[in-house]
Amino acid sequence: MGPQSPDVTTLLRQLASGDREAAAQLIPLVYDELHRIAEHHLRLERPNHTLQPTALVHEAYLKLVAQRDADWQNKTHFCAVASQAMRRILVDYARGRLRAKRGGNPPKLPLEEAFVIATDRCDELLALDEALERLAQLDARQSRVVELRFFGGLTVEETATVLGISPKTVKREWSTAKAWLYGEVKARRGDDTGNLGENKGAV
């Protein structure tokens, strides 16, 4: 993610204390990284989708800056939490799409105008999300490693920094968690393991 700017850490502390001006000053310093994370999330949705990660960045950013008394450690930590927020937004959106397919009300999210998630990929995303929730109950750290590496696109070193563990531990947890999730999703969805299968051998 590049070298840490001291201005970002200062602004994050000001933001956590309720300084609204800090939010406006912070966005240009973290926008490129948030945009990269959003692009990574959207690449998991479906091939050839309408790619407009800007809406996802804005929605996640608004959720983060609205938090009070957040203990932001640095830019890497902020971006990691932003990645988690993006995942929740996409999962909620996918659930809304499936409800609409079954006759419920369509989801009312700004993302509606930004891109389209194929309904079959909604099923896949929700299956992976449910498996990840089950993993969190068994091993919270492994779940966080997957969230940061797979959904957030963080490197081994960046994930280690966020979680306060060694890169070697991240690699071990990543390998174990991927194998467990791959088996879990495959057992529930047959051979259709989607992107998780494609990334099963990644380091």
Protein backbone atom coordinates (compact mmCIF):
# COMPACT_ATOMS: atom_id res chain seq x y z
CA MET A 1 0.00 0.00 0.00
CA GLY A 2 3.00 2.26 -0.06
CA PRO A 3 4.70 4.19 2.69
CA GLN A 4 2.59 5.41 5.54
CA SER A 5 1.94 9.14 5.51
CA PRO A 6 1.95 10.72 8.98
CA ASP A 7 -0.77 13.09 7.81
CA VAL A 8 -3.15 10.17 7.33
CA THR A 9 -2.67 8.92 10.89
CA THR A 10 -3.23 12.41 12.27
CA LEU A 11 -6.37 12.90 10.21
CA LEU A 12 -7.72 9.51 11.26
CA ARG A 13 -7.33 10.48 14.91
CA GLN A 14 -9.06 13.79 14.27
CA LEU A 15 -11.83 12.00 12.41
CA ALA A 16 -12.35 9.57 15.30
CA SER A 17 -12.68 12.51 17.67
CA GLY A 18 -15.51 13.96 15.56
CA ASP A 19 -13.63 16.48 13.39
CA ARG A 20 -15.79 16.62 10.24
CA GLU A 21 -13.22 18.66 8.32
CA ALA A 22 -10.76 15.78 8.69
CA ALA A 23 -13.05 13.60 6.58
CA ALA A 24 -12.76 15.96 3.61
CA GLN A 25 -8.98 16.21 4.01
CA LEU A 26 -8.58 12.46 4.36
CA ILE A 27 -10.36 11.27 1.22
CA PRO A 28 -7.71 12.36 -1.34
CA LEU A 29 -5.02 10.62 0.73
CA VAL A 30 -6.81 7.25 0.84
CA TYR A 31 -8.99 7.36 -2.27
CA ASP A 32 -6.60 5.57 -4.65
CA GLU A 33 -6.17 2.67 -2.24
CA LEU A 34 -9.90 2.44 -1.54
CA HIS A 35 -10.57 2.49 -5.28
CA ARG A 36 -8.12 -0.39 -5.78
CA ILE A 37 -9.85 -2.39 -3.06
CA ALA A 38 -13.26 -1.67 -4.60
CA GLU A 39 -12.05 -2.84 -7.99
CA HIS A 40 -10.80 -6.04 -6.37
CA HIS A 41 -14.20 -6.64 -4.76
CA LEU A 42 -16.07 -6.01 -8.00
CA ARG A 43 -13.85 -8.38 -9.95
CA LEU A 44 -15.25 -11.12 -7.70
CA GLU A 45 -18.83 -10.36 -8.74
CA ARG A 46 -19.10 -11.64 -12.31
CA PRO A 47 -17.22 -11.51 -15.62
CA ASN A 48 -17.86 -8.48 -17.85
CA HIS A 49 -19.93 -6.58 -15.29
CA THR A 50 -20.35 -2.82 -15.50
CA LEU A 51 -17.33 -1.68 -13.49
CA GLN A 52 -17.93 1.47 -11.47
CA PRO A 53 -16.16 1.04 -8.14
CA THR A 54 -16.53 4.74 -7.32
CA ALA A 55 -20.03 4.21 -5.92
CA LEU A 56 -18.78 1.38 -3.70
CA VAL A 57 -15.90 3.54 -2.44
CA HIS A 58 -18.24 6.41 -1.58
CA GLU A 59 -20.79 4.26 0.21
CA ALA A 60 -18.13 2.49 2.29
CA TYR A 61 -16.36 5.77 3.06
CA LEU A 62 -19.57 7.36 4.31
CA LYS A 63 -20.11 4.43 6.66
CA LEU A 64 -16.57 4.67 8.02
CA VAL A 65 -16.42 8.43 8.58
CA ALA A 66 -19.76 8.26 10.40
CA GLN A 67 -18.19 6.09 13.11
CA ARG A 68 -17.42 7.73 16.43
CA ASP A 69 -14.51 6.85 18.69
CA ALA A 70 -13.03 4.47 16.11
CA ASP A 71 -9.53 3.36 17.06
CA TRP A 72 -7.87 3.91 13.68
CA GLN A 73 -4.26 2.76 13.88
CA ASN A 74 -3.05 3.90 10.46
CA LYS A 75 -3.92 3.96 6.76
CA THR A 76 -3.55 0.19 6.38
CA HIS A 77 -5.98 -0.42 9.24
CA PHE A 78 -8.48 2.10 7.83
CA CYS A 79 -8.36 0.46 4.38
CA ALA A 80 -8.77 -2.99 5.90
CA VAL A 81 -11.93 -1.90 7.70
CA ALA A 82 -13.11 -0.20 4.49
CA SER A 83 -12.68 -3.52 2.67
CA GLN A 84 -14.83 -5.20 5.31
CA ALA A 85 -17.49 -2.51 4.86
CA MET A 86 -17.46 -3.03 1.08
CA ARG A 87 -17.95 -6.74 1.55
CA ARG A 88 -20.96 -6.15 3.80
CA ILE A 89 -22.45 -3.70 1.29
CA LEU A 90 -22.11 -6.21 -1.54
CA VAL A 91 -23.51 -9.06 0.54
CA ASP A 92 -26.51 -6.94 1.55
CA TYR A 93 -26.99 -5.97 -2.08
CA ALA A 94 -26.83 -9.62 -3.18
CA ARG A 95 -29.46 -10.57 -0.61
CA GLY A 96 -31.66 -7.77 -1.94
CA ARG A 97 -31.23 -9.01 -5.50
CA LEU A 98 -32.32 -12.51 -4.48
CA ARG A 99 -35.34 -11.14 -2.59
CA ALA A 100 -36.33 -9.19 -5.70
CA LYS A 101 -36.02 -12.35 -7.82
CA ARG A 102 -38.34 -14.17 -5.42
CA GLY A 103 -40.95 -11.41 -5.62
CA GLY A 104 -39.83 -9.11 -2.84
CA ASN A 105 -39.01 -5.43 -3.09
CA PRO A 106 -35.85 -4.57 -5.07
CA PRO A 107 -32.87 -3.32 -3.05
CA LYS A 108 -32.75 0.44 -2.54
CA LEU A 109 -29.02 1.12 -2.69
CA PRO A 110 -26.96 3.69 -4.60
CA LEU A 111 -25.12 0.73 -6.09
CA GLU A 112 -28.23 -0.07 -8.17
CA GLU A 113 -27.15 2.54 -10.71
CA ALA A 114 -23.48 1.66 -10.57
CA PHE A 115 -23.31 -2.00 -11.58
CA VAL A 116 -25.37 -5.15 -11.95
CA ILE A 117 -24.70 -8.31 -9.99
CA ALA A 118 -25.82 -11.44 -11.80
CA THR A 119 -28.30 -13.40 -9.68
CA ASP A 120 -26.34 -16.64 -9.98
CA ARG A 121 -23.26 -14.87 -8.64
CA CYS A 122 -25.41 -13.53 -5.78
CA ASP A 123 -25.93 -17.16 -4.73
CA GLU A 124 -22.18 -17.77 -4.93
CA LEU A 125 -21.32 -14.65 -2.95
CA LEU A 126 -23.82 -15.51 -0.22
CA ALA A 127 -22.58 -19.12 -0.04
CA LEU A 128 -19.03 -17.88 0.49
CA ASP A 129 -20.18 -15.28 3.01
CA GLU A 130 -22.08 -17.91 5.00
CA ALA A 131 -19.07 -20.23 4.95
CA LEU A 132 -16.86 -17.38 6.12
CA GLU A 133 -19.26 -16.68 9.00
CA ARG A 134 -19.05 -20.34 10.01
CA LEU A 135 -15.27 -20.18 9.84
CA ALA A 136 -15.32 -17.09 12.08
CA GLN A 137 -17.08 -19.13 14.76
CA LEU A 138 -14.39 -21.81 14.52
CA ASP A 139 -11.34 -19.56 14.06
CA ALA A 140 -11.82 -15.80 14.05
CA ARG A 141 -8.25 -15.09 12.95
CA GLN A 142 -8.44 -17.34 9.92
CA SER A 143 -11.69 -15.66 8.94
CA ARG A 144 -10.05 -12.23 9.14
CA VAL A 145 -7.09 -13.43 7.07
CA VAL A 146 -9.45 -14.57 4.32
CA GLU A 147 -11.41 -11.34 4.51
CA LEU A 148 -8.29 -9.22 4.16
CA ARG A 149 -6.51 -11.36 1.56
CA PHE A 150 -9.39 -12.58 -0.61
CA PHE A 151 -11.88 -9.74 -0.36
CA GLY A 152 -9.53 -6.86 0.36
CA GLY A 153 -6.65 -7.92 -1.85
CA LEU A 154 -4.09 -7.16 0.87
CA THR A 155 -0.64 -8.69 0.61
CA VAL A 156 0.68 -11.14 3.16
CA GLU A 157 2.76 -8.38 4.75
CA GLU A 158 -0.16 -5.92 4.90
CA THR A 159 -2.42 -8.56 6.43
CA ALA A 160 0.25 -9.35 9.01
CA THR A 161 0.47 -5.65 9.93
CA VAL A 162 -3.29 -5.29 10.37
CA LEU A 163 -3.62 -8.43 12.51
CA GLY A 164 -0.38 -8.00 14.43
CA ILE A 165 1.00 -11.40 13.47
CA SER A 166 3.96 -12.61 11.42
CA PRO A 167 3.82 -13.04 7.61
CA LYS A 168 4.63 -16.71 8.15
CA THR A 169 1.54 -17.09 10.33
CA VAL A 170 -0.58 -15.30 7.73
CA LYS A 171 0.58 -17.74 5.03
CA ARG A 172 -0.20 -20.73 7.25
CA GLU A 173 -3.65 -19.44 8.27
CA TRP A 174 -4.43 -18.41 4.68
CA SER A 175 -3.60 -21.86 3.34
CA THR A 176 -5.59 -23.68 6.03
CA ALA A 177 -8.61 -21.36 5.77
CA LYS A 178 -8.76 -21.59 1.97
CA ALA A 179 -8.76 -25.38 2.07
CA TRP A 180 -11.54 -25.39 4.68
CA LEU A 181 -13.68 -22.85 2.80
CA TYR A 182 -13.15 -24.59 -0.52
CA GLY A 183 -14.41 -27.85 0.95
CA GLU A 184 -17.30 -26.14 2.75
CA VAL A 185 -18.56 -24.26 -0.31
CA LYS A 186 -18.05 -27.27 -2.58
CA ALA A 187 -20.03 -29.49 -0.21
CA ARG A 188 -22.95 -27.06 -0.26
CA ARG A 189 -22.81 -26.04 -3.92
CA GLY A 190 -21.29 -29.03 -5.69
CA ASP A 191 -18.41 -28.23 -8.02
CA ASP A 192 -19.40 -24.56 -8.44
CA THR A 193 -16.89 -22.96 -6.09
CA GLY A 194 -16.31 -19.94 -8.32
CA ASN A 195 -13.58 -17.47 -7.50
CA LEU A 196 -12.57 -19.23 -4.31
CA GLY A 197 -11.57 -22.24 -6.37
CA GLU A 198 -9.64 -20.05 -8.79
CA ASN A 199 -7.74 -18.51 -5.88
CA LYS A 200 -7.29 -21.75 -3.96
CA GLY A 201 -3.63 -22.01 -4.85
CA ALA A 202 -2.75 -18.35 -4.50
CA VAL A 203 -0.24 -17.22 -1.88
